[in-house]
Amino acid sequence: MLPRGYRIGDITLLRSKPAFERGDAEFKLDEAPYKILLFIVLQNLPPKERKKVTLEEIAVHIWPHEPETTFEVKKGRIYTLVSALRRSGITCLSHGTRDGYLLEEDVTIEDDTPAQVWLTSKSLVFASAVASAVTLVVTVFVRGFVTSFGASLTQPPQFGFVSGAFQAVFGSLVWTVPLSVALLYGWKRKITYEDWIAELSLPSLLGAGAAAGALGGLFVDIAILFAQQRETLYQASWIQSANSSAWSAFTVSKLGYAEPAMGIAVCSCCAAFLWSALRRDRWEDRSKASSSLSSFSDLLRLLSLTFKRVFLWTLLFIDLPVMGVGSIFYFVSHSNISLARFLGEGLIIGSAGVAFTIGLLTSISALARGFKVTLD
């Protein structure tokens, strides 16, 4: 197995890219200075004794295809590049010699065994934020699109894309935030990622998902029934007339129960899928743990990879069951609303569940690979 890096004093020179770590921070290096330092380190690997690496050896290694360039020119380049290393904070190279460089610290090889990743409250906030952001983007477009075709259960058929997108902001957040917290609360106990995976319990996750789904659905109901005008509720067929009590959405039309029912369905499906995915040995390929993520673009690439891995499975095990619950609720409630609107609402909520699960799995995988969360 190739080493992850080489420990010299207070730094770790990474093998996979031109950079070094000091403490929890990573610092990039230009390619040429990095090659010089790496070459010197490789000449001093244990069990070898520490030795001076000459300027001639460095020049031959760095510029093997420049025979026409004089040694004096190459030596000047080496001095310049080593000075750049020192400006970058590298202090392990000797000073005062003009014929080569000596490492002033012993080299220790760091292997690819992944370090234990401790999950904290920062991990919880990060995972919840990623899952909520992905869900929000998807739900805005899906709800806006479905509403523009008059196929949304929670809004009158004449409402358009903008209205649907606006409602999606509230709807997605009231589900994803409680669901994220419910499913990931164990991280606040400051345990390792491996311990958290080992402790995952399907019944407890299903219970947490169902509770979060019911809570989110009730919040949606409150927003629909008590934050809108009765005329709007009547147009959406949630109440029987413009003078009816908002409670008639529960007692007469039964539509008040629709959102919690589909919320319980989608959140339970999300919890079950999360448990199934994380319990699979192949989900987190530990041989790739050394390829840590260090930027937003890395996170987007991981999101794309996760999407490719699980999208079809989430459609099958999250989206379709939620639409099925909507269909069942339509026949049980004997509503005068069309089946298409129940299916449309199921599609919206199911799509939110798919997006949430993909976002959550992405954030969990990022944290397992050592993604550094800085909220200070």
Protein backbone atom coordinates (compact mmCIF):
# COMPACT_ATOMS: atom_id res chain seq x y z
CA MET A 1 0.00 0.00 0.00
CA LEU A 2 1.35 3.40 -0.95
CA PRO A 3 1.99 5.80 1.92
CA ARG A 4 -0.36 8.71 2.51
CA GLY A 5 2.53 11.03 3.25
CA TYR A 6 5.80 11.57 5.06
CA ARG A 7 6.05 13.07 8.51
CA ILE A 8 9.01 15.45 8.98
CA GLY A 9 9.00 17.37 12.22
CA ASP A 10 5.71 19.23 12.54
CA ILE A 11 4.57 18.75 8.92
CA THR A 12 3.29 15.88 6.80
CA LEU A 13 4.29 16.06 3.14
CA LEU A 14 1.43 14.56 1.13
CA ARG A 15 2.22 12.03 -1.54
CA SER A 16 -0.97 12.43 -3.62
CA LYS A 17 -0.66 16.17 -4.32
CA PRO A 18 1.75 19.11 -3.94
CA ALA A 19 0.80 20.09 -0.41
CA PHE A 20 1.70 19.56 3.21
CA GLU A 21 -0.28 19.44 6.43
CA ARG A 22 0.53 21.16 9.69
CA GLY A 23 -1.90 20.36 12.46
CA ASP A 24 -5.41 20.39 10.98
CA ALA A 25 -4.51 22.79 8.16
CA GLU A 26 -3.39 21.95 4.63
CA PHE A 27 -1.02 24.19 2.64
CA LYS A 28 -0.49 23.98 -1.11
CA LEU A 29 2.94 24.09 -2.75
CA ASP A 30 4.00 24.88 -6.28
CA GLU A 31 4.95 21.81 -8.29
CA ALA A 32 8.72 22.41 -8.63
CA PRO A 33 9.49 23.19 -4.94
CA TYR A 34 7.31 20.23 -3.95
CA LYS A 35 9.30 17.90 -6.23
CA ILE A 36 12.57 19.04 -4.69
CA LEU A 37 11.36 18.47 -1.13
CA LEU A 38 9.80 15.10 -2.02
CA PHE A 39 13.04 13.96 -3.67
CA ILE A 40 15.10 14.93 -0.63
CA VAL A 41 12.64 13.14 1.66
CA LEU A 42 12.71 9.96 -0.46
CA GLN A 43 16.51 9.87 -0.18
CA ASN A 44 16.16 9.88 3.61
CA LEU A 45 13.44 7.29 4.17
CA PRO A 46 14.02 4.83 7.01
CA PRO A 47 15.90 2.59 7.54
CA LYS A 48 18.43 4.85 5.77
CA GLU A 49 20.54 7.22 7.79
CA ARG A 50 19.99 10.89 7.20
CA LYS A 51 22.26 12.16 4.43
CA LYS A 52 22.93 15.29 2.45
CA VAL A 53 21.33 15.37 -0.99
CA THR A 54 23.64 17.20 -3.36
CA LEU A 55 22.67 19.94 -5.76
CA GLU A 56 23.86 17.75 -8.65
CA GLU A 57 21.49 14.95 -7.62
CA ILE A 58 18.58 17.38 -7.31
CA ALA A 59 19.33 18.97 -10.70
CA VAL A 60 19.48 15.60 -12.49
CA HIS A 61 16.21 14.51 -10.90
CA ILE A 62 14.23 17.71 -11.50
CA TRP A 63 15.54 18.60 -14.98
CA PRO A 64 16.64 15.31 -16.58
CA HIS A 65 15.81 16.51 -20.10
CA GLU A 66 17.74 19.78 -20.07
CA PRO A 67 21.33 18.78 -20.88
CA GLU A 68 21.95 22.08 -22.62
CA THR A 69 21.23 24.06 -19.44
CA THR A 70 24.38 24.64 -17.40
CA PHE A 71 24.67 23.41 -13.84
CA GLU A 72 25.15 26.97 -12.60
CA VAL A 73 21.76 27.95 -13.99
CA LYS A 74 20.10 24.88 -12.46
CA LYS A 75 21.79 25.61 -9.12
CA GLY A 76 20.35 29.12 -9.14
CA ARG A 77 16.92 27.67 -9.79
CA ILE A 78 17.31 25.25 -6.86
CA TYR A 79 18.24 28.08 -4.48
CA THR A 80 15.18 30.02 -5.62
CA LEU A 81 12.84 27.04 -5.22
CA VAL A 82 14.19 26.14 -1.78
CA SER A 83 13.71 29.76 -0.73
CA ALA A 84 10.09 29.42 -1.87
CA LEU A 85 9.74 26.31 0.30
CA ARG A 86 11.01 28.21 3.32
CA ARG A 87 8.59 31.08 2.64
CA SER A 88 5.81 28.47 2.62
CA GLY A 89 6.72 27.49 6.16
CA ILE A 90 9.04 24.52 5.50
CA THR A 91 11.76 24.61 8.18
CA CYS A 92 13.14 21.07 8.00
CA LEU A 93 15.90 21.80 5.42
CA SER A 94 19.37 22.72 6.59
CA HIS A 95 20.85 26.22 6.15
CA GLY A 96 24.45 27.25 5.50
CA THR A 97 25.46 24.63 2.92
CA ARG A 98 26.13 25.44 -0.73
CA ASP A 99 26.56 21.92 -2.14
CA GLY A 100 23.33 20.30 -1.00
CA TYR A 101 20.62 20.02 1.62
CA LEU A 102 20.16 17.90 4.71
CA LEU A 103 16.92 17.13 6.49
CA GLU A 104 17.11 18.30 10.09
CA GLU A 105 14.34 15.90 11.17
CA ASP A 106 13.85 12.16 10.79
CA VAL A 107 11.22 10.97 8.30
CA THR A 108 8.26 8.86 9.41
CA ILE A 109 6.04 7.15 6.85
CA GLU A 110 2.31 7.69 7.36
CA ASP A 111 0.29 4.89 5.81
CA ASP A 112 -3.19 4.97 4.29
CA THR A 113 -4.98 3.67 7.37
CA PRO A 114 -7.70 6.28 7.80
CA ALA A 115 -7.61 8.24 11.00
CA GLN A 116 -10.66 8.04 13.20
CA VAL A 117 -13.11 10.75 12.32
CA TRP A 118 -14.84 12.21 15.36
CA LEU A 119 -18.37 13.41 14.78
CA THR A 120 -19.35 16.57 16.60
CA SER A 121 -22.08 19.18 16.64
CA LYS A 122 -20.30 20.86 13.70
CA SER A 123 -20.73 17.63 11.77
CA LEU A 124 -24.44 17.69 12.56
CA VAL A 125 -24.86 21.27 11.36
CA PHE A 126 -22.85 20.61 8.19
CA ALA A 127 -24.78 17.46 7.27
CA SER A 128 -28.13 19.11 7.95
CA ALA A 129 -27.15 22.15 5.89
CA VAL A 130 -26.03 20.11 2.88
CA ALA A 131 -29.13 17.90 2.95
CA SER A 132 -31.43 20.91 3.33
CA ALA A 133 -29.71 22.85 0.53
CA VAL A 134 -29.97 19.98 -1.96
CA THR A 135 -33.59 19.37 -0.98
CA LEU A 136 -34.47 23.04 -1.27
CA VAL A 137 -33.08 23.36 -4.81
CA VAL A 138 -34.84 20.23 -6.05
CA THR A 139 -38.14 20.98 -4.33
CA VAL A 140 -38.29 24.54 -5.63
CA PHE A 141 -38.13 23.34 -9.21
CA VAL A 142 -40.33 20.25 -8.80
CA ARG A 143 -43.08 22.02 -6.83
CA GLY A 144 -42.97 25.03 -9.12
CA PHE A 145 -43.27 22.78 -12.18
CA VAL A 146 -46.08 20.63 -10.74
CA THR A 147 -48.00 23.67 -9.45
CA SER A 148 -47.79 25.36 -12.85
CA PHE A 149 -49.76 22.39 -14.25
CA GLY A 150 -52.39 22.65 -11.51
CA ALA A 151 -51.39 19.28 -10.03
CA SER A 152 -50.49 20.36 -6.50
CA LEU A 153 -52.66 19.34 -3.55
CA THR A 154 -51.76 22.32 -1.37
CA GLN A 155 -52.47 25.15 -3.81
CA PRO A 156 -55.30 26.10 -6.15
CA PRO A 157 -54.87 24.81 -9.72
CA GLN A 158 -54.56 28.33 -11.12
CA PHE A 159 -51.39 29.09 -9.13
CA GLY A 160 -48.20 29.14 -11.19
CA PHE A 161 -44.53 28.30 -10.96
CA VAL A 162 -43.52 31.24 -8.77
CA SER A 163 -46.15 30.47 -6.16
CA GLY A 164 -45.18 26.82 -6.10
CA ALA A 165 -41.50 27.64 -5.78
CA PHE A 166 -42.20 30.04 -2.93
CA GLN A 167 -44.13 27.41 -0.97
CA ALA A 168 -41.36 24.89 -1.60
CA VAL A 169 -38.93 26.98 0.43
CA PHE A 170 -41.02 26.59 3.55
CA GLY A 171 -42.13 23.02 2.90
CA SER A 172 -38.66 21.62 2.27
CA LEU A 173 -37.11 23.25 5.34
CA VAL A 174 -39.80 22.17 7.81
CA TRP A 175 -39.17 18.57 6.79
CA THR A 176 -35.43 18.45 6.27
CA VAL A 177 -34.30 20.28 9.38
CA PRO A 178 -36.19 18.09 11.92
CA LEU A 179 -35.42 14.96 9.91
CA SER A 180 -31.69 15.75 9.75
CA VAL A 181 -31.51 16.44 13.46
CA ALA A 182 -33.55 13.34 14.31
CA LEU A 183 -31.47 10.98 12.20
CA LEU A 184 -28.06 12.42 13.07
CA TYR A 185 -28.46 13.43 16.69
CA GLY A 186 -26.00 10.74 17.81
CA TRP A 187 -23.15 12.86 16.47
CA LYS A 188 -23.58 15.31 19.33
CA ARG A 189 -22.30 12.59 21.64
CA LYS A 190 -18.87 13.04 20.02
CA ILE A 191 -18.31 9.48 18.88
CA THR A 192 -16.35 8.26 15.88
CA TYR A 193 -17.90 7.71 12.48
CA GLU A 194 -17.27 3.95 12.76
CA ASP A 195 -18.95 3.77 16.17
CA TRP A 196 -21.95 5.72 14.89
CA ILE A 197 -22.36 3.36 11.92
CA ALA A 198 -22.10 0.34 14.22
CA GLU A 199 -24.81 1.72 16.51
CA LEU A 200 -27.33 2.50 13.76
CA SER A 201 -30.64 0.87 14.60
CA LEU A 202 -33.37 0.50 11.98
CA PRO A 203 -36.29 0.73 14.46
CA SER A 204 -34.90 3.88 16.06
CA LEU A 205 -34.25 5.49 12.67
CA LEU A 206 -37.74 4.61 11.47
CA GLY A 207 -39.22 6.05 14.65
CA ALA A 208 -37.19 9.23 14.30
CA GLY A 209 -38.14 9.53 10.64
CA ALA A 210 -41.85 9.01 11.31
CA ALA A 211 -41.84 11.57 14.12
CA ALA A 212 -39.98 14.15 11.99
CA GLY A 213 -42.33 13.51 9.07
CA ALA A 214 -45.42 13.98 11.19
CA LEU A 215 -43.99 17.15 12.72
CA GLY A 216 -43.07 18.56 9.32
CA GLY A 217 -46.48 17.71 7.91
CA LEU A 218 -48.23 19.44 10.80
CA PHE A 219 -46.12 22.55 10.26
CA VAL A 220 -47.17 22.54 6.61
CA ASP A 221 -50.80 22.19 7.71
CA ILE A 222 -50.46 25.12 10.09
CA ALA A 223 -48.98 27.25 7.33
CA ILE A 224 -51.74 26.26 4.90
CA LEU A 225 -54.71 26.50 7.25
CA PHE A 226 -53.81 29.48 9.38
CA ALA A 227 -51.50 31.60 7.23
CA GLN A 228 -53.71 31.76 4.15
CA GLN A 229 -57.05 33.39 3.43
CA ARG A 230 -60.12 31.20 3.61
CA GLU A 231 -60.92 32.02 0.00
CA THR A 232 -57.59 30.52 -1.03
CA LEU A 233 -58.23 27.42 1.09
CA TYR A 234 -61.63 27.05 -0.54
CA GLN A 235 -60.11 27.40 -4.03
CA ALA A 236 -57.63 24.69 -3.14
CA SER A 237 -60.56 22.51 -1.90
CA TRP A 238 -59.14 22.17 1.59
CA ILE A 239 -62.37 23.53 3.09
CA GLN A 240 -65.94 23.19 1.78
CA SER A 241 -66.77 26.88 1.49
CA ALA A 242 -65.17 30.27 2.00
CA ASN A 243 -66.98 30.50 5.36
CA SER A 244 -65.96 27.08 6.67
CA SER A 245 -63.72 26.65 9.67
CA ALA A 246 -60.11 25.78 8.94
CA TRP A 247 -60.60 22.69 11.08
CA SER A 248 -62.97 21.31 8.47
CA ALA A 249 -59.85 20.36 6.51
CA PHE A 250 -59.54 17.61 9.15
CA THR A 251 -63.15 16.92 10.10
CA VAL A 252 -64.86 17.15 6.70
CA SER A 253 -62.50 17.00 3.74
CA LYS A 254 -59.82 15.04 5.67
CA LEU A 255 -57.16 16.86 3.64
CA GLY A 256 -55.45 18.09 6.81
CA TYR A 257 -54.23 14.54 7.37
CA ALA A 258 -52.68 14.25 3.91
CA GLU A 259 -49.49 16.18 4.57
CA PRO A 260 -48.56 14.38 7.84
CA ALA A 261 -49.40 11.02 6.22
CA MET A 262 -47.14 11.61 3.24
CA GLY A 263 -44.57 13.22 5.55
CA ILE A 264 -44.44 10.08 7.68
CA ALA A 265 -44.13 7.99 4.53
CA VAL A 266 -41.29 9.96 2.96
CA CYS A 267 -39.32 10.39 6.18
CA SER A 268 -39.66 6.70 7.09
CA CYS A 269 -38.50 5.72 3.60
CA CYS A 270 -35.56 8.12 3.87
CA ALA A 271 -34.58 6.64 7.24
CA ALA A 272 -34.82 3.06 5.96
CA PHE A 273 -32.80 3.87 2.84
CA LEU A 274 -30.16 5.69 4.90
CA TRP A 275 -29.81 2.70 7.22
CA SER A 276 -29.58 0.27 4.31
CA ALA A 277 -27.00 2.33 2.40
CA LEU A 278 -24.73 3.01 5.37
CA ARG A 279 -24.79 -0.61 6.53
CA ARG A 280 -23.44 -1.82 3.20
CA ASP A 281 -19.72 -2.50 3.39
CA ARG A 282 -19.20 -1.20 -0.13
CA TRP A 283 -20.85 2.17 0.51
CA GLU A 284 -17.76 3.73 2.05
CA ASP A 285 -14.71 2.42 0.22
CA ARG A 286 -12.11 2.81 2.93
CA SER A 287 -9.26 2.54 0.43
CA LYS A 288 -10.33 5.97 -0.82
CA ALA A 289 -10.35 7.55 2.61
CA SER A 290 -7.02 9.25 1.93
CA SER A 291 -8.55 11.28 -0.91
CA SER A 292 -9.78 13.91 1.48
CA LEU A 293 -12.05 16.70 0.37
CA SER A 294 -10.82 20.21 0.86
CA SER A 295 -13.00 22.48 -1.27
CA PHE A 296 -16.55 23.19 -2.35
CA SER A 297 -15.83 21.82 -5.84
CA ASP A 298 -14.70 18.54 -4.27
CA LEU A 299 -18.00 18.39 -2.41
CA LEU A 300 -19.95 18.96 -5.64
CA ARG A 301 -18.06 16.12 -7.32
CA LEU A 302 -18.91 13.84 -4.41
CA LEU A 303 -22.56 14.92 -4.69
CA SER A 304 -22.53 13.99 -8.38
CA LEU A 305 -20.99 10.60 -7.60
CA THR A 306 -23.57 9.91 -4.89
CA PHE A 307 -26.37 10.91 -7.26
CA LYS A 308 -25.16 8.41 -9.85
CA ARG A 309 -24.91 5.66 -7.25
CA VAL A 310 -28.30 5.91 -5.62
CA PHE A 311 -30.69 7.98 -7.75
CA LEU A 312 -32.56 5.06 -9.34
CA TRP A 313 -32.73 3.23 -6.01
CA THR A 314 -34.13 6.26 -4.22
CA LEU A 315 -36.80 6.68 -6.90
CA LEU A 316 -37.83 3.07 -6.38
CA PHE A 317 -37.75 2.99 -2.58
CA ILE A 318 -38.69 6.59 -1.70
CA ASP A 319 -40.52 8.41 -4.50
CA LEU A 320 -42.83 5.60 -5.62
CA PRO A 321 -43.95 4.56 -2.11
CA VAL A 322 -44.85 8.16 -1.24
CA MET A 323 -46.90 8.52 -4.41
CA GLY A 324 -48.55 5.23 -3.47
CA VAL A 325 -49.49 6.65 -0.07
CA GLY A 326 -51.01 9.65 -1.84
CA SER A 327 -53.10 7.33 -4.02
CA ILE A 328 -54.28 5.32 -1.02
CA PHE A 329 -55.19 8.49 0.84
CA TYR A 330 -57.19 9.69 -2.16
CA PHE A 331 -59.38 6.58 -2.19
CA VAL A 332 -59.73 6.44 1.61
CA SER A 333 -60.70 10.10 2.02
CA HIS A 334 -63.29 10.09 -0.80
CA SER A 335 -62.09 13.57 -1.69
CA ASN A 336 -63.58 15.59 -4.52
CA ILE A 337 -60.04 16.56 -5.56
CA SER A 338 -58.65 14.74 -8.58
CA LEU A 339 -56.28 11.82 -8.19
CA ALA A 340 -53.75 13.74 -10.32
CA ARG A 341 -53.37 16.36 -7.59
CA PHE A 342 -52.74 13.70 -4.93
CA LEU A 343 -50.18 12.08 -7.20
CA GLY A 344 -48.64 15.47 -7.93
CA GLU A 345 -48.25 16.18 -4.22
CA GLY A 346 -46.77 12.73 -3.74
CA LEU A 347 -44.30 13.42 -6.55
CA ILE A 348 -43.27 16.69 -4.90
CA ILE A 349 -42.79 15.17 -1.46
CA GLY A 350 -41.15 12.03 -2.82
CA SER A 351 -38.72 14.08 -4.89
CA ALA A 352 -37.86 16.06 -1.77
CA GLY A 353 -37.12 12.77 -0.01
CA VAL A 354 -34.89 11.60 -2.85
CA ALA A 355 -32.96 14.88 -2.80
CA PHE A 356 -32.69 14.84 0.98
CA THR A 357 -31.29 11.32 1.04
CA ILE A 358 -28.73 12.05 -1.67
CA GLY A 359 -27.65 15.24 0.12
CA LEU A 360 -27.40 13.51 3.47
CA LEU A 361 -25.40 10.57 2.12
CA THR A 362 -23.08 13.04 0.40
CA SER A 363 -22.39 14.95 3.60
CA ILE A 364 -21.90 11.76 5.63
CA SER A 365 -19.45 10.41 3.06
CA ALA A 366 -17.59 13.74 2.99
CA LEU A 367 -17.23 13.72 6.77
CA ALA A 368 -16.09 10.09 6.73
CA ARG A 369 -13.34 11.10 4.29
CA GLY A 370 -12.12 13.83 6.59
CA PHE A 371 -13.88 16.90 5.19
CA LYS A 372 -12.89 19.73 7.50
CA VAL A 373 -15.88 21.63 8.86
CA THR A 374 -15.03 25.15 9.96
CA LEU A 375 -17.88 27.19 11.39
CA ASP A 376 -15.84 29.64 13.47
